[in-house]
PDB file of N, CA and C in Angstrom:
ATOM      1  N   MET A   1     131.628  61.008 157.955  1.00  0.00           N
ATOM      2  CA  MET A   1     132.086  62.248 157.390  1.00  0.00           C
ATOM      3  C   MET A   1     130.882  62.984 156.806  1.00  0.00           C
ATOM      4  N   PRO A   2     130.610  64.203 157.267  1.00  0.00           N
ATOM      5  CA  PRO A   2     129.454  64.955 156.779  1.00  0.00           C
ATOM      6  C   PRO A   2     129.686  65.459 155.353  1.00  0.00           C
ATOM      7  N   ILE A   3     128.622  65.481 154.595  1.00  0.00           N
ATOM      8  CA  ILE A   3     128.675  65.968 153.207  1.00  0.00           C
ATOM      9  C   ILE A   3     128.157  67.402 153.195  1.00  0.00           C
ATOM     10  N   THR A   4     128.951  68.266 152.624  1.00  0.00           N
ATOM     11  CA  THR A   4     128.517  69.665 152.517  1.00  0.00           C
ATOM     12  C   THR A   4     128.291  69.992 151.048  1.00  0.00           C
ATOM     13  N   ALA A   5     127.196  70.637 150.805  1.00  0.00           N
ATOM     14  CA  ALA A   5     126.858  71.015 149.425  1.00  0.00           C
ATOM     15  C   ALA A   5     127.294  72.451 149.188  1.00  0.00           C
ATOM     16  N   THR A   6     127.858  72.666 148.024  1.00  0.00           N
ATOM     17  CA  THR A   6     128.260  74.001 147.639  1.00  0.00           C
ATOM     18  C   THR A   6     127.215  74.553 146.685  1.00  0.00           C
ATOM     19  N   VAL A   7     126.664  75.684 147.027  1.00  0.00           N
ATOM     20  CA  VAL A   7     125.664  76.307 146.166  1.00  0.00           C
ATOM     21  C   VAL A   7     126.311  77.523 145.512  1.00  0.00           C
ATOM     22  N   ARG A   8     126.329  77.489 144.192  1.00  0.00           N
ATOM     23  CA  ARG A   8     126.906  78.605 143.449  1.00  0.00           C
ATOM     24  C   ARG A   8     125.784  79.545 143.025  1.00  0.00           C
ATOM     25  N   LYS A   9     126.026  80.799 143.197  1.00  0.00           N
ATOM     26  CA  LYS A   9     125.069  81.785 142.726  1.00  0.00           C
ATOM     27  C   LYS A   9     125.411  82.130 141.279  1.00  0.00           C
ATOM     28  N   ARG A  10     124.394  82.133 140.445  1.00  0.00           N
ATOM     29  CA  ARG A  10     124.609  82.498 139.044  1.00  0.00           C
ATOM     30  C   ARG A  10     124.684  84.014 138.944  1.00  0.00           C
ATOM     31  N   PRO A  11     125.591  84.502 138.142  1.00  0.00           N
ATOM     32  CA  PRO A  11     125.683  85.957 137.989  1.00  0.00           C
ATOM     33  C   PRO A  11     124.463  86.505 137.253  1.00  0.00           C
ATOM     34  N   THR A  12     124.065  87.689 137.609  1.00  0.00           N
ATOM     35  CA  THR A  12     122.941  88.340 136.930  1.00  0.00           C
ATOM     36  C   THR A  12     123.384  88.782 135.541  1.00  0.00           C
ATOM     37  N   GLN A  13     122.411  89.188 134.735  1.00  0.00           N
ATOM     38  CA  GLN A  13     122.725  89.667 133.380  1.00  0.00           C
ATOM     39  C   GLN A  13     123.664  90.869 133.453  1.00  0.00           C
ATOM     40  N   ALA A  14     123.420  91.768 134.376  1.00  0.00           N
ATOM     41  CA  ALA A  14     124.283  92.949 134.513  1.00  0.00           C
ATOM     42  C   ALA A  14     125.707  92.537 134.897  1.00  0.00           C
ATOM     43  N   GLN A  15     125.836  91.550 135.786  1.00  0.00           N
ATOM     44  CA  GLN A  15     127.163  91.079 136.183  1.00  0.00           C
ATOM     45  C   GLN A  15     127.882  90.422 135.013  1.00  0.00           C
ATOM     46  N   ARG A  16     127.142  89.631 134.212  1.00  0.00           N
ATOM     47  CA  ARG A  16     127.752  88.990 133.041  1.00  0.00           C
ATOM     48  C   ARG A  16     128.238  90.042 132.046  1.00  0.00           C
ATOM     49  N   GLU A  17     127.439  91.090 131.841  1.00  0.00           N
ATOM     50  CA  GLU A  17     127.843  92.144 130.906  1.00  0.00           C
ATOM     51  C   GLU A  17     129.088  92.869 131.419  1.00  0.00           C
ATOM     52  N   THR A  18     129.171  93.058 132.728  1.00  0.00           N
ATOM     53  CA  THR A  18     130.359  93.694 133.310  1.00  0.00           C
ATOM     54  C   THR A  18     131.583  92.813 133.103  1.00  0.00           C
ATOM     55  N   ILE A  19     131.425  91.516 133.294  1.00  0.00           N
ATOM     56  CA  ILE A  19     132.536  90.571 133.098  1.00  0.00           C
ATOM     57  C   ILE A  19     132.963  90.574 131.628  1.00  0.00           C
ATOM     58  N   LEU A  20     132.000  90.595 130.710  1.00  0.00           N
ATOM     59  CA  LEU A  20     132.336  90.600 129.280  1.00  0.00           C
ATOM     60  C   LEU A  20     133.057  91.890 128.882  1.00  0.00           C
ATOM     61  N   ARG A  21     132.631  93.021 129.418  1.00  0.00           N
ATOM     62  CA  ARG A  21     133.344  94.274 129.128  1.00  0.00           C
ATOM     63  C   ARG A  21     134.777  94.197 129.637  1.00  0.00           C
ATOM     64  N   ALA A  22     134.947  93.628 130.847  1.00  0.00           N
ATOM     65  CA  ALA A  22     136.296  93.491 131.413  1.00  0.00           C
ATOM     66  C   ALA A  22     137.135  92.549 130.557  1.00  0.00           C
ATOM     67  N   TYR A  23     136.529  91.474 130.057  1.00  0.00           N
ATOM     68  CA  TYR A  23     137.255  90.531 129.197  1.00  0.00           C
ATOM     69  C   TYR A  23     137.738  91.231 127.924  1.00  0.00           C
ATOM     70  N   ARG A  24     136.839  92.001 127.309  1.00  0.00           N
ATOM     71  CA  ARG A  24     137.198  92.666 126.048  1.00  0.00           C
ATOM     72  C   ARG A  24     138.322  93.685 126.245  1.00  0.00           C
ATOM     73  N   ARG A  25     138.366  94.309 127.413  1.00  0.00           N
ATOM     74  CA  ARG A  25     139.432  95.277 127.691  1.00  0.00           C
ATOM     75  C   ARG A  25     140.732  94.614 128.136  1.00  0.00           C
ATOM     76  N   SER A  26     140.651  93.363 128.605  1.00  0.00           N
ATOM     77  CA  SER A  26     141.808  92.730 129.239  1.00  0.00           C
ATOM     78  C   SER A  26     142.915  92.307 128.279  1.00  0.00           C
ATOM     79  N   HIS A  27     142.584  91.995 127.052  1.00  0.00           N
ATOM     80  CA  HIS A  27     143.546  91.476 126.067  1.00  0.00           C
ATOM     81  C   HIS A  27     144.164  90.148 126.526  1.00  0.00           C
ATOM     82  N   LEU A  28     143.466  89.438 127.409  1.00  0.00           N
ATOM     83  CA  LEU A  28     143.901  88.106 127.839  1.00  0.00           C
ATOM     84  C   LEU A  28     143.217  87.065 126.981  1.00  0.00           C
ATOM     85  N   THR A  29     143.759  85.856 126.990  1.00  0.00           N
ATOM     86  CA  THR A  29     143.079  84.762 126.314  1.00  0.00           C
ATOM     87  C   THR A  29     141.840  84.408 127.139  1.00  0.00           C
ATOM     88  N   GLN A  30     140.919  83.693 126.519  1.00  0.00           N
ATOM     89  CA  GLN A  30     139.720  83.281 127.252  1.00  0.00           C
ATOM     90  C   GLN A  30     140.097  82.440 128.465  1.00  0.00           C
ATOM     91  N   GLN A  31     141.044  81.535 128.294  1.00  0.00           N
ATOM     92  CA  GLN A  31     141.490  80.663 129.392  1.00  0.00           C
ATOM     93  C   GLN A  31     142.069  81.501 130.543  1.00  0.00           C
ATOM     94  N   GLU A  32     142.940  82.436 130.217  1.00  0.00           N
ATOM     95  CA  GLU A  32     143.569  83.255 131.251  1.00  0.00           C
ATOM     96  C   GLU A  32     142.526  84.109 131.986  1.00  0.00           C
ATOM     97  N   PHE A  33     141.644  84.729 131.223  1.00  0.00           N
ATOM     98  CA  PHE A  33     140.653  85.601 131.845  1.00  0.00           C
ATOM     99  C   PHE A  33     139.686  84.810 132.716  1.00  0.00           C
ATOM    100  N   ALA A  34     139.207  83.673 132.187  1.00  0.00           N
ATOM    101  CA  ALA A  34     138.243  82.867 132.941  1.00  0.00           C
ATOM    102  C   ALA A  34     138.837  82.415 134.270  1.00  0.00           C
ATOM    103  N   SER A  35     140.062  81.957 134.269  1.00  0.00           N
ATOM    104  CA  SER A  35     140.668  81.516 135.524  1.00  0.00           C
ATOM    105  C   SER A  35     140.915  82.707 136.454  1.00  0.00           C
ATOM    106  N   HIS A  36     141.191  83.873 135.900  1.00  0.00           N
ATOM    107  CA  HIS A  36     141.429  85.074 136.712  1.00  0.00           C
ATOM    108  C   HIS A  36     140.169  85.512 137.457  1.00  0.00           C
ATOM    109  N   VAL A  37     138.995  85.430 136.795  1.00  0.00           N
ATOM    110  CA  VAL A  37     137.754  85.881 137.431  1.00  0.00           C
ATOM    111  C   VAL A  37     136.970  84.745 138.081  1.00  0.00           C
ATOM    112  N   GLY A  38     137.442  83.516 137.908  1.00  0.00           N
ATOM    113  CA  GLY A  38     136.809  82.384 138.583  1.00  0.00           C
ATOM    114  C   GLY A  38     135.580  81.831 137.904  1.00  0.00           C
ATOM    115  N   ILE A  39     135.567  81.848 136.589  1.00  0.00           N
ATOM    116  CA  ILE A  39     134.474  81.219 135.847  1.00  0.00           C
ATOM    117  C   ILE A  39     135.085  80.216 134.879  1.00  0.00           C
ATOM    118  N   SER A  40     134.236  79.356 134.334  1.00  0.00           N
ATOM    119  CA  SER A  40     134.756  78.376 133.381  1.00  0.00           C
ATOM    120  C   SER A  40     134.877  79.013 132.001  1.00  0.00           C
ATOM    121  N   VAL A  41     135.751  78.467 131.197  1.00  0.00           N
ATOM    122  CA  VAL A  41     135.932  78.959 129.830  1.00  0.00           C
ATOM    123  C   VAL A  41     134.649  78.764 129.041  1.00  0.00           C
ATOM    124  N   SER A  42     133.968  77.644 129.260  1.00  0.00           N
ATOM    125  CA  SER A  42     132.733  77.386 128.514  1.00  0.00           C
ATOM    126  C   SER A  42     131.657  78.408 128.873  1.00  0.00           C
ATOM    127  N   ALA A  43     131.598  78.835 130.138  1.00  0.00           N
ATOM    128  CA  ALA A  43     130.630  79.867 130.530  1.00  0.00           C
ATOM    129  C   ALA A  43     130.954  81.181 129.823  1.00  0.00           C
ATOM    130  N   LEU A  44     132.220  81.543 129.803  1.00  0.00           N
ATOM    131  CA  LEU A  44     132.639  82.768 129.127  1.00  0.00           C
ATOM    132  C   LEU A  44     132.282  82.704 127.641  1.00  0.00           C
ATOM    133  N   GLN A  45     132.543  81.580 127.005  1.00  0.00           N
ATOM    134  CA  GLN A  45     132.232  81.433 125.581  1.00  0.00           C
ATOM    135  C   GLN A  45     130.728  81.514 125.333  1.00  0.00           C
ATOM    136  N   LEU A  46     129.932  80.910 126.207  1.00  0.00           N
ATOM    137  CA  LEU A  46     128.477  80.960 126.071  1.00  0.00           C
ATOM    138  C   LEU A  46     127.987  82.398 126.185  1.00  0.00           C
ATOM    139  N   TRP A  47     128.490  83.118 127.175  1.00  0.00           N
ATOM    140  CA  TRP A  47     128.077  84.509 127.352  1.00  0.00           C
ATOM    141  C   TRP A  47     128.469  85.355 126.141  1.00  0.00           C
ATOM    142  N   LEU A  48     129.641  85.099 125.594  1.00  0.00           N
ATOM    143  CA  LEU A  48     130.089  85.843 124.413  1.00  0.00           C
ATOM    144  C   LEU A  48     129.176  85.562 123.214  1.00  0.00           C
ATOM    145  N   ARG A  49     128.798  84.290 123.032  1.00  0.00           N
ATOM    146  CA  ARG A  49     127.905  83.935 121.924  1.00  0.00           C
ATOM    147  C   ARG A  49     126.551  84.606 122.090  1.00  0.00           C
ATOM    148  N   LYS A  50     125.989  84.550 123.300  1.00  0.00           N
ATOM    149  CA  LYS A  50     124.677  85.150 123.538  1.00  0.00           C
ATOM    150  C   LYS A  50     124.730  86.665 123.346  1.00  0.00           C
ATOM    151  N   ALA A  51     125.820  87.285 123.771  1.00  0.00           N
ATOM    152  CA  ALA A  51     125.966  88.736 123.602  1.00  0.00           C
ATOM    153  C   ALA A  51     126.037  89.092 122.121  1.00  0.00           C
ATOM    154  N   ALA A  52     126.715  88.259 121.332  1.00  0.00           N
ATOM    155  CA  ALA A  52     126.825  88.516 119.891  1.00  0.00           C
ATOM    156  C   ALA A  52     125.456  88.416 119.225  1.00  0.00           C
ATOM    157  N   VAL A  53     124.644  87.442 119.635  1.00  0.00           N
ATOM    158  CA  VAL A  53     123.310  87.277 119.060  1.00  0.00           C
ATOM    159  C   VAL A  53     122.443  88.478 119.433  1.00  0.00           C
ATOM    160  N   ARG A  54     122.498  88.911 120.684  1.00  0.00           N
ATOM    161  CA  ARG A  54     121.718  90.075 121.122  1.00  0.00           C
ATOM    162  C   ARG A  54     122.120  91.318 120.333  1.00  0.00           C
ATOM    163  N   THR A  55     123.400  91.502 120.155  1.00  0.00           N
ATOM    164  CA  THR A  55     123.892  92.679 119.453  1.00  0.00           C
ATOM    165  C   THR A  55     123.448  92.667 117.996  1.00  0.00           C
ATOM    166  N   SER A  56     123.544  91.500 117.349  1.00  0.00           N
ATOM    167  CA  SER A  56     123.170  91.442 115.934  1.00  0.00           C
ATOM    168  C   SER A  56     121.666  91.593 115.759  1.00  0.00           C
ATOM    169  N   SER A  57     120.861  91.073 116.688  1.00  0.00           N
ATOM    170  CA  SER A  57     119.410  91.212 116.550  1.00  0.00           C
ATOM    171  C   SER A  57     118.968  92.631 116.854  1.00  0.00           C
ATOM    172  N   GLN A  58     119.679  93.338 117.730  1.00  0.00           N
ATOM    173  CA  GLN A  58     119.337  94.728 118.013  1.00  0.00           C
ATOM    174  C   GLN A  58     119.756  95.639 116.879  1.00  0.00           C
ATOM    175  N   ALA A  59     120.819  95.292 116.200  1.00  0.00           N
ATOM    176  CA  ALA A  59     121.333  96.144 115.137  1.00  0.00           C
ATOM    177  C   ALA A  59     120.502  96.020 113.864  1.00  0.00           C
ATOM    178  N   THR A  60     119.739  94.944 113.728  1.00  0.00           N
ATOM    179  CA  THR A  60     118.943  94.725 112.539  1.00  0.00           C
ATOM    180  C   THR A  60     117.665  95.537 112.637  1.00  0.00           C
ATOM    181  N   ALA A  61     117.507  96.472 111.746  1.00  0.00           N
ATOM    182  CA  ALA A  61     116.304  97.286 111.711  1.00  0.00           C
ATOM    183  C   ALA A  61     116.053  97.692 110.264  1.00  0.00           C
ATOM    184  N   PHE A  62     114.788  97.888 109.943  1.00  0.00           N
ATOM    185  CA  PHE A  62     114.445  98.301 108.598  1.00  0.00           C
ATOM    186  C   PHE A  62     114.457  99.821 108.539  1.00  0.00           C
ATOM    187  N   VAL A  63     115.004 100.313 107.474  1.00  0.00           N
ATOM    188  CA  VAL A  63     115.065 101.749 107.259  1.00  0.00           C
ATOM    189  C   VAL A  63     114.270 102.055 106.003  1.00  0.00           C
ATOM    190  N   ARG A  64     113.329 102.979 106.124  1.00  0.00           N
ATOM    191  CA  ARG A  64     112.515 103.344 104.966  1.00  0.00           C
ATOM    192  C   ARG A  64     113.387 104.145 103.996  1.00  0.00           C
ATOM    193  N   VAL A  65     113.405 103.697 102.739  1.00  0.00           N
ATOM    194  CA  VAL A  65     114.195 104.349 101.703  1.00  0.00           C
ATOM    195  C   VAL A  65     113.235 104.753 100.596  1.00  0.00           C
ATOM    196  N   PRO A  66     113.270 105.998 100.192  1.00  0.00           N
ATOM    197  CA  PRO A  66     112.357 106.409  99.121  1.00  0.00           C
ATOM    198  C   PRO A  66     112.735 105.735  97.804  1.00  0.00           C
ATOM    199  N   ASN A  67     111.727 105.383  97.025  1.00  0.00           N
ATOM    200  CA  ASN A  67     111.950 104.762  95.729  1.00  0.00           C
ATOM    201  C   ASN A  67     112.162 105.873  94.704  1.00  0.00           C
ATOM    202  N   LEU A  68     113.426 106.155  94.424  1.00  0.00           N
ATOM    203  CA  LEU A  68     113.750 107.233  93.498  1.00  0.00           C
ATOM    204  C   LEU A  68     113.554 106.827  92.043  1.00  0.00           C
ATOM    205  N   LEU A  69     113.433 105.538  91.778  1.00  0.00           N
ATOM    206  CA  LEU A  69     113.286 105.063  90.407  1.00  0.00           C
ATOM    207  C   LEU A  69     111.836 104.830  90.017  1.00  0.00           C
ATOM    208  N   GLY A  70     110.935 104.898  90.987  1.00  0.00           N
ATOM    209  CA  GLY A  70     109.521 104.652  90.711  1.00  0.00           C
ATOM    210  C   GLY A  70     108.870 105.863  90.080  1.00  0.00           C
ATOM    211  N   PRO A  71     107.615 105.707  89.662  1.00  0.00           N
ATOM    212  CA  PRO A  71     106.912 106.835  89.047  1.00  0.00           C
ATOM    213  C   PRO A  71     106.683 107.937  90.078  1.00  0.00           C
ATOM    214  N   ALA A  72     106.727 109.161  89.607  1.00  0.00           N
ATOM    215  CA  ALA A  72     106.483 110.296  90.487  1.00  0.00           C
ATOM    216  C   ALA A  72     105.010 110.318  90.860  1.00  0.00           C
ATOM    217  N   PRO A  73     104.708 110.666  92.090  1.00  0.00           N
ATOM    218  CA  PRO A  73     103.298 110.703  92.470  1.00  0.00           C
ATOM    219  C   PRO A  73     102.583 111.810  91.716  1.00  0.00           C
ATOM    220  N   GLY A  74     101.397 111.497  91.251  1.00  0.00           N
ATOM    221  CA  GLY A  74     100.614 112.483  90.513  1.00  0.00           C
ATOM    222  C   GLY A  74      99.828 113.349  91.478  1.00  0.00           C
ATOM    223  N   PRO A  75      99.072 114.279  90.939  1.00  0.00           N
ATOM    224  CA  PRO A  75      98.267 115.133  91.805  1.00  0.00           C
ATOM    225  C   PRO A  75      97.173 114.303  92.475  1.00  0.00           C
ATOM    226  N   ALA A  76      96.746 114.760  93.637  1.00  0.00           N
ATOM    227  CA  ALA A  76      95.676 114.055  94.341  1.00  0.00           C
ATOM    228  C   ALA A  76      94.430 114.044  93.462  1.00  0.00           C
ATOM    229  N   LEU A  77      93.728 112.954  93.477  1.00  0.00           N
ATOM    230  CA  LEU A  77      92.575 112.795  92.607  1.00  0.00           C
ATOM    231  C   LEU A  77      91.467 112.131  93.399  1.00  0.00           C
ATOM    232  N   TYR A  78      90.269 112.677  93.283  1.00  0.00           N
ATOM    233  CA  TYR A  78      89.103 112.097  93.946  1.00  0.00           C
ATOM    234  C   TYR A  78      88.216 111.488  92.869  1.00  0.00           C
ATOM    235  N   ARG A  79      87.754 110.274  93.114  1.00  0.00           N
ATOM    236  CA  ARG A  79      86.880 109.606  92.153  1.00  0.00           C
ATOM    237  C   ARG A  79      85.546 109.336  92.829  1.00  0.00           C
ATOM    238  N   LEU A  80      84.489 109.784  92.181  1.00  0.00           N
ATOM    239  CA  LEU A  80      83.138 109.558  92.693  1.00  0.00           C
ATOM    240  C   LEU A  80      82.373 108.702  91.695  1.00  0.00           C
ATOM    241  N   ARG A  81      81.694 107.691  92.194  1.00  0.00           N
ATOM    242  CA  ARG A  81      80.841 106.873  91.341  1.00  0.00           C
ATOM    243  C   ARG A  81      79.401 107.252  91.695  1.00  0.00           C
ATOM    244  N   LEU A  82      78.755 107.907  90.762  1.00  0.00           N
ATOM    245  CA  LEU A  82      77.404 108.414  90.987  1.00  0.00           C
ATOM    246  C   LEU A  82      76.374 107.447  90.408  1.00  0.00           C
ATOM    247  N   PRO A  83      75.143 107.521  90.920  1.00  0.00           N
ATOM    248  CA  PRO A  83      74.083 106.661  90.354  1.00  0.00           C
ATOM    249  C   PRO A  83      73.892 106.965  88.870  1.00  0.00           C
ATOM    250  N   GLY A  84      73.470 105.976  88.166  1.00  0.00           N
ATOM    251  CA  GLY A  84      73.253 106.126  86.733  1.00  0.00           C
ATOM    252  C   GLY A  84      74.511 105.854  85.924  1.00  0.00           C
ATOM    253  N   GLY A  85      75.550 105.287  86.556  1.00  0.00           N
ATOM    254  CA  GLY A  85      76.758 104.912  85.839  1.00  0.00           C
ATOM    255  C   GLY A  85      77.685 106.075  85.540  1.00  0.00           C
ATOM    256  N   ILE A  86      77.550 107.155  86.285  1.00  0.00           N
ATOM    257  CA  ILE A  86      78.407 108.316  86.050  1.00  0.00           C
ATOM    258  C   ILE A  86      79.606 108.240  86.994  1.00  0.00           C
ATOM    259  N   ASP A  87      80.804 108.313  86.413  1.00  0.00           N
ATOM    260  CA  ASP A  87      82.035 108.373  87.196  1.00  0.00           C
ATOM    261  C   ASP A  87      82.592 109.783  87.080  1.00  0.00           C
ATOM    262  N   LEU A  88      82.922 110.367  88.229  1.00  0.00           N
ATOM    263  CA  LEU A  88      83.420 111.733  88.249  1.00  0.00           C
ATOM    264  C   LEU A  88      84.787 111.738  88.898  1.00  0.00           C
ATOM    265  N   GLU A  89      85.775 112.302  88.198  1.00  0.00           N
ATOM    266  CA  GLU A  89      87.122 112.440  88.744  1.00  0.00           C
ATOM    267  C   GLU A  89      87.389 113.913  88.978  1.00  0.00           C
ATOM    268  N   ILE A  90      87.834 114.223  90.187  1.00  0.00           N
ATOM    269  CA  ILE A  90      88.076 115.608  90.568  1.00  0.00           C
ATOM    270  C   ILE A  90      89.513 115.719  91.043  1.00  0.00           C
ATOM    271  N   ALA A  91      90.291 116.564  90.386  1.00  0.00           N
ATOM    272  CA  ALA A  91      91.687 116.768  90.777  1.00  0.00           C
ATOM    273  C   ALA A  91      91.734 117.690  91.983  1.00  0.00           C
ATOM    274  N   SER A  92      92.812 117.577  92.752  1.00  0.00           N
ATOM    275  CA  SER A  92      92.959 118.472  93.895  1.00  0.00           C
ATOM    276  C   SER A  92      93.114 119.901  93.382  1.00  0.00           C
ATOM    277  N   GLY A  93      92.670 120.844  94.164  1.00  0.00           N
ATOM    278  CA  GLY A  93      92.742 122.231  93.741  1.00  0.00           C
ATOM    279  C   GLY A  93      91.469 122.693  93.041  1.00  0.00           C
ATOM    280  N   PHE A  94      90.532 121.797  92.835  1.00  0.00           N
ATOM    281  CA  PHE A  94      89.264 122.145  92.221  1.00  0.00           C
ATOM    282  C   PHE A  94      88.492 122.998  93.228  1.00  0.00           C
ATOM    283  N   ARG A  95      87.968 124.130  92.786  1.00  0.00           N
ATOM    284  CA  ARG A  95      87.276 125.025  93.719  1.00  0.00           C
ATOM    285  C   ARG A  95      85.926 124.438  94.113  1.00  0.00           C
ATOM    286  N   PRO A  96      85.534 124.535  95.384  1.00  0.00           N
ATOM    287  CA  PRO A  96      84.265 123.959  95.855  1.00  0.00           C
ATOM    288  C   PRO A  96      83.051 124.518  95.106  1.00  0.00           C
ATOM    289  N   GLU A  97      83.080 125.803  94.738  1.00  0.00           N
ATOM    290  CA  GLU A  97      81.936 126.380  94.024  1.00  0.00           C
ATOM    291  C   GLU A  97      81.748 125.721  92.662  1.00  0.00           C
ATOM    292  N   GLU A  98      82.869 125.454  91.989  1.00  0.00           N
ATOM    293  CA  GLU A  98      82.801 124.804  90.682  1.00  0.00           C
ATOM    294  C   GLU A  98      82.263 123.390  90.822  1.00  0.00           C
ATOM    295  N   LEU A  99      82.697 122.689  91.873  1.00  0.00           N
ATOM    296  CA  LEU A  99      82.222 121.329  92.095  1.00  0.00           C
ATOM    297  C   LEU A  99      80.723 121.328  92.385  1.00  0.00           C
ATOM    298  N   LEU A 100      80.255 122.278  93.169  1.00  0.00           N
ATOM    299  CA  LEU A 100      78.834 122.375  93.481  1.00  0.00           C
ATOM    300  C   LEU A 100      78.034 122.608  92.210  1.00  0.00           C
ATOM    301  N   SER A 101      78.515 123.510  91.367  1.00  0.00           N
ATOM    302  CA  SER A 101      77.828 123.788  90.085  1.00  0.00           C
ATOM    303  C   SER A 101      77.795 122.536  89.222  1.00  0.00           C
ATOM    304  N   LEU A 102      78.903 121.813  89.168  1.00  0.00           N
ATOM    305  CA  LEU A 102      78.983 120.596  88.363  1.00  0.00           C
ATOM    306  C   LEU A 102      78.005 119.538  88.875  1.00  0.00           C
ATOM    307  N   LEU A 103      77.925 119.373  90.179  1.00  0.00           N
ATOM    308  CA  LEU A 103      77.017 118.369  90.752  1.00  0.00           C
ATOM    309  C   LEU A 103      75.556 118.759  90.513  1.00  0.00           C
ATOM    310  N   GLN A 104      75.240 120.041  90.607  1.00  0.00           N
ATOM    311  CA  GLN A 104      73.865 120.484  90.332  1.00  0.00           C
ATOM    312  C   GLN A 104      73.521 120.220  88.866  1.00  0.00           C
ATOM    313  N   LEU A 105      74.482 120.447  87.980  1.00  0.00           N
ATOM    314  CA  LEU A 105      74.272 120.187  86.562  1.00  0.00           C
ATOM    315  C   LEU A 105      74.018 118.703  86.317  1.00  0.00           C
ATOM    316  N   LEU A 106      74.808 117.859  86.956  1.00  0.00           N
ATOM    317  CA  LEU A 106      74.645 116.408  86.788  1.00  0.00           C
ATOM    318  C   LEU A 106      73.307 115.936  87.360  1.00  0.00           C
ATOM    319  N   ARG A 107      72.876 116.528  88.440  1.00  0.00           N
ATOM    320  CA  ARG A 107      71.607 116.135  89.055  1.00  0.00           C
ATOM    321  C   ARG A 107      70.438 116.465  88.129  1.00  0.00           C
ATOM    322  N   SER A 108      70.582 117.541  87.374  1.00  0.00           N
ATOM    323  CA  SER A 108      69.491 117.961  86.494  1.00  0.00           C
ATOM    324  C   SER A 108      69.400 117.077  85.250  1.00  0.00           C
ATOM    325  N   LEU A 109      70.374 116.276  84.954  1.00  0.00           N
ATOM    326  CA  LEU A 109      70.354 115.417  83.755  1.00  0.00           C
ATOM    327  C   LEU A 109      69.416 114.274  83.886  1.00  0.00           C
TER     328      LEU A 109
END
């Protein structure tokens, strides 16, 4: 008596997703649906578990939320450390001509 081997083709990811969508719309029990489409109940359950993990990992994302309780940001400030131990702090909005005059004055010291 000759032995014949049966080779089953595994469904692709797209086919599994189509089967899962059909299951969710069917309102059948897992047992009823699996026998209707010709798959095992354990395969259906495995696919459902994997789909749930994929969905939960895709849904998890970080959302940037402003810190409304933290200190308000102050004006922009530039700090220069000059030779001779001189530290110079310049607030934003300082006119370039004034800064040039200040630096020339400091250089002359």
